[in-house]
PDB file of N, CA and C in Angstrom:
ATOM      1  N   MET A   1      -5.629  -1.521 -27.902  1.00  0.00           N
ATOM      2  CA  MET A   1      -5.755  -1.861 -29.310  1.00  0.00           C
ATOM      3  C   MET A   1      -6.279  -3.279 -29.395  1.00  0.00           C
ATOM      4  N   SER A   2      -7.139  -3.437 -30.279  1.00  0.00           N
ATOM      5  CA  SER A   2      -7.694  -4.819 -30.421  1.00  0.00           C
ATOM      6  C   SER A   2      -6.722  -5.669 -31.172  1.00  0.00           C
ATOM      7  N   PHE A   3      -6.890  -6.934 -30.947  1.00  0.00           N
ATOM      8  CA  PHE A   3      -6.091  -7.995 -31.592  1.00  0.00           C
ATOM      9  C   PHE A   3      -6.222  -7.833 -33.119  1.00  0.00           C
ATOM     10  N   MET A   4      -7.445  -7.562 -33.571  1.00  0.00           N
ATOM     11  CA  MET A   4      -7.679  -7.467 -35.053  1.00  0.00           C
ATOM     12  C   MET A   4      -6.901  -6.301 -35.660  1.00  0.00           C
ATOM     13  N   ASP A   5      -6.934  -5.141 -34.905  1.00  0.00           N
ATOM     14  CA  ASP A   5      -6.165  -4.036 -35.523  1.00  0.00           C
ATOM     15  C   ASP A   5      -4.711  -4.316 -35.520  1.00  0.00           C
ATOM     16  N   LYS A   6      -4.110  -5.030 -34.525  1.00  0.00           N
ATOM     17  CA  LYS A   6      -2.743  -5.332 -34.567  1.00  0.00           C
ATOM     18  C   LYS A   6      -2.387  -6.315 -35.668  1.00  0.00           C
ATOM     19  N   ALA A   7      -3.349  -7.275 -35.930  1.00  0.00           N
ATOM     20  CA  ALA A   7      -3.122  -8.263 -37.007  1.00  0.00           C
ATOM     21  C   ALA A   7      -3.242  -7.576 -38.346  1.00  0.00           C
ATOM     22  N   LYS A   8      -4.161  -6.666 -38.521  1.00  0.00           N
ATOM     23  CA  LYS A   8      -4.262  -5.943 -39.794  1.00  0.00           C
ATOM     24  C   LYS A   8      -3.077  -5.120 -40.109  1.00  0.00           C
ATOM     25  N   ASN A   9      -2.603  -4.431 -39.074  1.00  0.00           N
ATOM     26  CA  ASN A   9      -1.331  -3.582 -39.218  1.00  0.00           C
ATOM     27  C   ASN A   9      -0.241  -4.412 -39.634  1.00  0.00           C
ATOM     28  N   LYS A  10      -0.005  -5.559 -38.909  1.00  0.00           N
ATOM     29  CA  LYS A  10       1.090  -6.436 -39.137  1.00  0.00           C
ATOM     30  C   LYS A  10       1.033  -7.045 -40.596  1.00  0.00           C
ATOM     31  N   ALA A  11      -0.153  -7.452 -40.959  1.00  0.00           N
ATOM     32  CA  ALA A  11      -0.323  -7.982 -42.309  1.00  0.00           C
ATOM     33  C   ALA A  11      -0.004  -6.967 -43.395  1.00  0.00           C
ATOM     34  N   GLU A  12      -0.436  -5.694 -43.170  1.00  0.00           N
ATOM     35  CA  GLU A  12      -0.048  -4.650 -44.068  1.00  0.00           C
ATOM     36  C   GLU A  12       1.463  -4.401 -44.185  1.00  0.00           C
ATOM     37  N   GLU A  13       2.138  -4.482 -43.038  1.00  0.00           N
ATOM     38  CA  GLU A  13       3.532  -4.299 -42.961  1.00  0.00           C
ATOM     39  C   GLU A  13       4.240  -5.486 -43.779  1.00  0.00           C
ATOM     40  N   ILE A  14       3.825  -6.696 -43.490  1.00  0.00           N
ATOM     41  CA  ILE A  14       4.344  -7.855 -44.171  1.00  0.00           C
ATOM     42  C   ILE A  14       4.191  -7.753 -45.690  1.00  0.00           C
ATOM     43  N   ALA A  15       2.952  -7.380 -46.135  1.00  0.00           N
ATOM     44  CA  ALA A  15       2.670  -7.256 -47.522  1.00  0.00           C
ATOM     45  C   ALA A  15       3.557  -6.114 -48.210  1.00  0.00           C
ATOM     46  N   GLY A  16       3.749  -5.111 -47.439  1.00  0.00           N
ATOM     47  CA  GLY A  16       4.582  -4.081 -47.879  1.00  0.00           C
ATOM     48  C   GLY A  16       6.059  -4.475 -48.064  1.00  0.00           C
ATOM     49  N   LYS A  17       6.540  -5.306 -47.121  1.00  0.00           N
ATOM     50  CA  LYS A  17       7.928  -5.813 -47.177  1.00  0.00           C
ATOM     51  C   LYS A  17       8.039  -6.771 -48.386  1.00  0.00           C
ATOM     52  N   ALA A  18       7.071  -7.540 -48.655  1.00  0.00           N
ATOM     53  CA  ALA A  18       7.029  -8.440 -49.793  1.00  0.00           C
ATOM     54  C   ALA A  18       7.048  -7.667 -51.151  1.00  0.00           C
ATOM     55  N   LYS A  19       6.289  -6.609 -51.187  1.00  0.00           N
ATOM     56  CA  LYS A  19       6.206  -5.767 -52.403  1.00  0.00           C
ATOM     57  C   LYS A  19       7.583  -5.155 -52.563  1.00  0.00           C
ATOM     58  N   GLU A  20       8.141  -4.632 -51.541  1.00  0.00           N
ATOM     59  CA  GLU A  20       9.458  -3.963 -51.615  1.00  0.00           C
ATOM     60  C   GLU A  20      10.517  -4.971 -52.152  1.00  0.00           C
ATOM     61  N   ALA A  21      10.530  -6.157 -51.500  1.00  0.00           N
ATOM     62  CA  ALA A  21      11.533  -7.167 -51.941  1.00  0.00           C
ATOM     63  C   ALA A  21      11.333  -7.590 -53.327  1.00  0.00           C
ATOM     64  N   THR A  22      10.055  -7.739 -53.781  1.00  0.00           N
ATOM     65  CA  THR A  22       9.786  -8.114 -55.156  1.00  0.00           C
ATOM     66  C   THR A  22      10.215  -7.055 -56.147  1.00  0.00           C
ATOM     67  N   GLY A  23       9.919  -5.785 -55.761  1.00  0.00           N
ATOM     68  CA  GLY A  23      10.432  -4.664 -56.591  1.00  0.00           C
ATOM     69  C   GLY A  23      11.867  -4.572 -56.711  1.00  0.00           C
ATOM     70  N   ASP A  24      12.583  -4.837 -55.565  1.00  0.00           N
ATOM     71  CA  ASP A  24      13.991  -4.807 -55.574  1.00  0.00           C
ATOM     72  C   ASP A  24      14.566  -5.906 -56.413  1.00  0.00           C
ATOM     73  N   ALA A  25      13.992  -7.092 -56.328  1.00  0.00           N
ATOM     74  CA  ALA A  25      14.505  -8.271 -57.129  1.00  0.00           C
ATOM     75  C   ALA A  25      14.302  -8.133 -58.602  1.00  0.00           C
ATOM     76  N   THR A  26      13.136  -7.432 -58.953  1.00  0.00           N
ATOM     77  CA  THR A  26      12.866  -7.206 -60.405  1.00  0.00           C
ATOM     78  C   THR A  26      13.261  -5.892 -60.954  1.00  0.00           C
ATOM     79  N   SER A  27      13.888  -5.079 -60.141  1.00  0.00           N
ATOM     80  CA  SER A  27      14.283  -3.754 -60.521  1.00  0.00           C
ATOM     81  C   SER A  27      13.121  -2.841 -60.888  1.00  0.00           C
ATOM     82  N   ASN A  28      11.992  -3.136 -60.245  1.00  0.00           N
ATOM     83  CA  ASN A  28      10.852  -2.395 -60.423  1.00  0.00           C
ATOM     84  C   ASN A  28      10.665  -1.292 -59.320  1.00  0.00           C
ATOM     85  N   GLU A  29      11.120  -0.063 -59.647  1.00  0.00           N
ATOM     86  CA  GLU A  29      11.154   1.025 -58.626  1.00  0.00           C
ATOM     87  C   GLU A  29       9.769   1.373 -58.144  1.00  0.00           C
ATOM     88  N   ASN A  30       8.816   1.325 -59.020  1.00  0.00           N
ATOM     89  CA  ASN A  30       7.501   1.723 -58.513  1.00  0.00           C
ATOM     90  C   ASN A  30       6.960   0.643 -57.517  1.00  0.00           C
ATOM     91  N   LEU A  31       7.097  -0.587 -57.725  1.00  0.00           N
ATOM     92  CA  LEU A  31       6.669  -1.625 -56.826  1.00  0.00           C
ATOM     93  C   LEU A  31       7.439  -1.485 -55.516  1.00  0.00           C
ATOM     94  N   LYS A  32       8.753  -1.271 -55.605  1.00  0.00           N
ATOM     95  CA  LYS A  32       9.579  -1.106 -54.344  1.00  0.00           C
ATOM     96  C   LYS A  32       9.063   0.099 -53.603  1.00  0.00           C
ATOM     97  N   ARG A  33       8.715   1.180 -54.194  1.00  0.00           N
ATOM     98  CA  ARG A  33       8.275   2.411 -53.520  1.00  0.00           C
ATOM     99  C   ARG A  33       6.836   2.120 -52.947  1.00  0.00           C
ATOM    100  N   ASP A  34       6.015   1.447 -53.650  1.00  0.00           N
ATOM    101  CA  ASP A  34       4.715   1.053 -53.104  1.00  0.00           C
ATOM    102  C   ASP A  34       4.864   0.286 -51.856  1.00  0.00           C
ATOM    103  N   GLY A  35       5.770  -0.645 -51.813  1.00  0.00           N
ATOM    104  CA  GLY A  35       5.944  -1.483 -50.576  1.00  0.00           C
ATOM    105  C   GLY A  35       6.430  -0.621 -49.441  1.00  0.00           C
ATOM    106  N   GLN A  36       7.305   0.275 -49.749  1.00  0.00           N
ATOM    107  CA  GLN A  36       7.819   1.158 -48.646  1.00  0.00           C
ATOM    108  C   GLN A  36       6.707   2.018 -48.160  1.00  0.00           C
ATOM    109  N   THR A  37       5.816   2.551 -49.037  1.00  0.00           N
ATOM    110  CA  THR A  37       4.675   3.307 -48.577  1.00  0.00           C
ATOM    111  C   THR A  37       3.737   2.453 -47.771  1.00  0.00           C
ATOM    112  N   ASP A  38       3.471   1.200 -48.093  1.00  0.00           N
ATOM    113  CA  ASP A  38       2.634   0.352 -47.358  1.00  0.00           C
ATOM    114  C   ASP A  38       3.152   0.165 -45.933  1.00  0.00           C
ATOM    115  N   GLN A  39       4.422  -0.057 -45.921  1.00  0.00           N
ATOM    116  CA  GLN A  39       5.046  -0.248 -44.592  1.00  0.00           C
ATOM    117  C   GLN A  39       4.948   1.049 -43.687  1.00  0.00           C
ATOM    118  N   GLY A  40       5.197   2.210 -44.345  1.00  0.00           N
ATOM    119  CA  GLY A  40       5.063   3.431 -43.576  1.00  0.00           C
ATOM    120  C   GLY A  40       3.690   3.637 -43.037  1.00  0.00           C
ATOM    121  N   SER A  41       2.686   3.273 -43.928  1.00  0.00           N
ATOM    122  CA  SER A  41       1.328   3.372 -43.495  1.00  0.00           C
ATOM    123  C   SER A  41       0.940   2.515 -42.328  1.00  0.00           C
ATOM    124  N   ALA A  42       1.487   1.357 -42.346  1.00  0.00           N
ATOM    125  CA  ALA A  42       1.211   0.382 -41.271  1.00  0.00           C
ATOM    126  C   ALA A  42       1.876   0.879 -39.976  1.00  0.00           C
ATOM    127  N   HIS A  43       3.052   1.392 -40.075  1.00  0.00           N
ATOM    128  CA  HIS A  43       3.744   1.930 -38.891  1.00  0.00           C
ATOM    129  C   HIS A  43       2.953   3.161 -38.362  1.00  0.00           C
ATOM    130  N   THR A  44       2.488   3.923 -39.198  1.00  0.00           N
ATOM    131  CA  THR A  44       1.754   5.083 -38.707  1.00  0.00           C
ATOM    132  C   THR A  44       0.475   4.686 -38.018  1.00  0.00           C
ATOM    133  N   LYS A  45      -0.211   3.701 -38.562  1.00  0.00           N
ATOM    134  CA  LYS A  45      -1.478   3.181 -37.860  1.00  0.00           C
ATOM    135  C   LYS A  45      -1.128   2.623 -36.545  1.00  0.00           C
ATOM    136  N   GLN A  46      -0.008   1.865 -36.449  1.00  0.00           N
ATOM    137  CA  GLN A  46       0.362   1.233 -35.261  1.00  0.00           C
ATOM    138  C   GLN A  46       0.643   2.302 -34.221  1.00  0.00           C
ATOM    139  N   ALA A  47       1.348   3.326 -34.576  1.00  0.00           N
ATOM    140  CA  ALA A  47       1.649   4.477 -33.716  1.00  0.00           C
ATOM    141  C   ALA A  47       0.419   5.139 -33.204  1.00  0.00           C
ATOM    142  N   GLY A  48      -0.511   5.295 -33.982  1.00  0.00           N
ATOM    143  CA  GLY A  48      -1.863   5.906 -33.647  1.00  0.00           C
ATOM    144  C   GLY A  48      -2.550   5.022 -32.597  1.00  0.00           C
ATOM    145  N   GLU A  49      -2.565   3.737 -32.841  1.00  0.00           N
ATOM    146  CA  GLU A  49      -3.179   2.835 -31.979  1.00  0.00           C
ATOM    147  C   GLU A  49      -2.442   2.767 -30.602  1.00  0.00           C
ATOM    148  N   ASN A  50      -1.123   2.892 -30.599  1.00  0.00           N
ATOM    149  CA  ASN A  50      -0.457   2.996 -29.340  1.00  0.00           C
ATOM    150  C   ASN A  50      -0.756   4.211 -28.472  1.00  0.00           C
ATOM    151  N   VAL A  51      -1.006   5.405 -29.259  1.00  0.00           N
ATOM    152  CA  VAL A  51      -1.337   6.584 -28.533  1.00  0.00           C
ATOM    153  C   VAL A  51      -2.720   6.315 -27.944  1.00  0.00           C
ATOM    154  N   LYS A  52      -3.641   5.727 -28.565  1.00  0.00           N
ATOM    155  CA  LYS A  52      -5.010   5.469 -28.102  1.00  0.00           C
ATOM    156  C   LYS A  52      -4.868   4.605 -26.834  1.00  0.00           C
ATOM    157  N   ASP A  53      -4.015   3.639 -26.851  1.00  0.00           N
ATOM    158  CA  ASP A  53      -3.778   2.715 -25.700  1.00  0.00           C
ATOM    159  C   ASP A  53      -3.330   3.482 -24.583  1.00  0.00           C
ATOM    160  N   VAL A  54      -2.427   4.418 -24.700  1.00  0.00           N
ATOM    161  CA  VAL A  54      -1.880   5.261 -23.611  1.00  0.00           C
ATOM    162  C   VAL A  54      -2.973   6.015 -22.916  1.00  0.00           C
ATOM    163  N   PHE A  55      -3.895   6.606 -23.731  1.00  0.00           N
ATOM    164  CA  PHE A  55      -5.009   7.399 -23.137  1.00  0.00           C
ATOM    165  C   PHE A  55      -6.062   6.528 -22.588  1.00  0.00           C
ATOM    166  N   LYS A  56      -6.215   5.317 -22.974  1.00  0.00           N
ATOM    167  CA  LYS A  56      -7.201   4.442 -22.399  1.00  0.00           C
ATOM    168  C   LYS A  56      -6.679   3.663 -21.208  1.00  0.00           C
ATOM    169  N   GLY A  57      -5.331   3.654 -21.051  1.00  0.00           N
ATOM    170  CA  GLY A  57      -4.694   2.972 -19.904  1.00  0.00           C
ATOM    171  C   GLY A  57      -4.486   1.535 -20.236  1.00  0.00           C
ATOM    172  N   ASP A  58      -4.554   1.173 -21.435  1.00  0.00           N
ATOM    173  CA  ASP A  58      -4.257  -0.319 -21.801  1.00  0.00           C
ATOM    174  C   ASP A  58      -2.761  -0.469 -21.929  1.00  0.00           C
ATOM    175  N   LYS A  59      -2.347  -1.692 -21.836  1.00  0.00           N
ATOM    176  CA  LYS A  59      -0.968  -2.053 -22.065  1.00  0.00           C
ATOM    177  C   LYS A  59      -0.721  -2.802 -23.221  1.00  0.00           C
TER     178      LYS A  59
END
């Protein structure tokens, strides 16, 4: 996995955590749910990249 892919996935995860925390602090369930969705998406992308790395033989 390239460094840029890792950075993009991490940035999406951090943004999702921020959205979730903001939604929680303001009692905005939609924003909180959006943040959780963003985090899930980032984790899924990361897992896909890890699978690609295994088949390519990268560590």
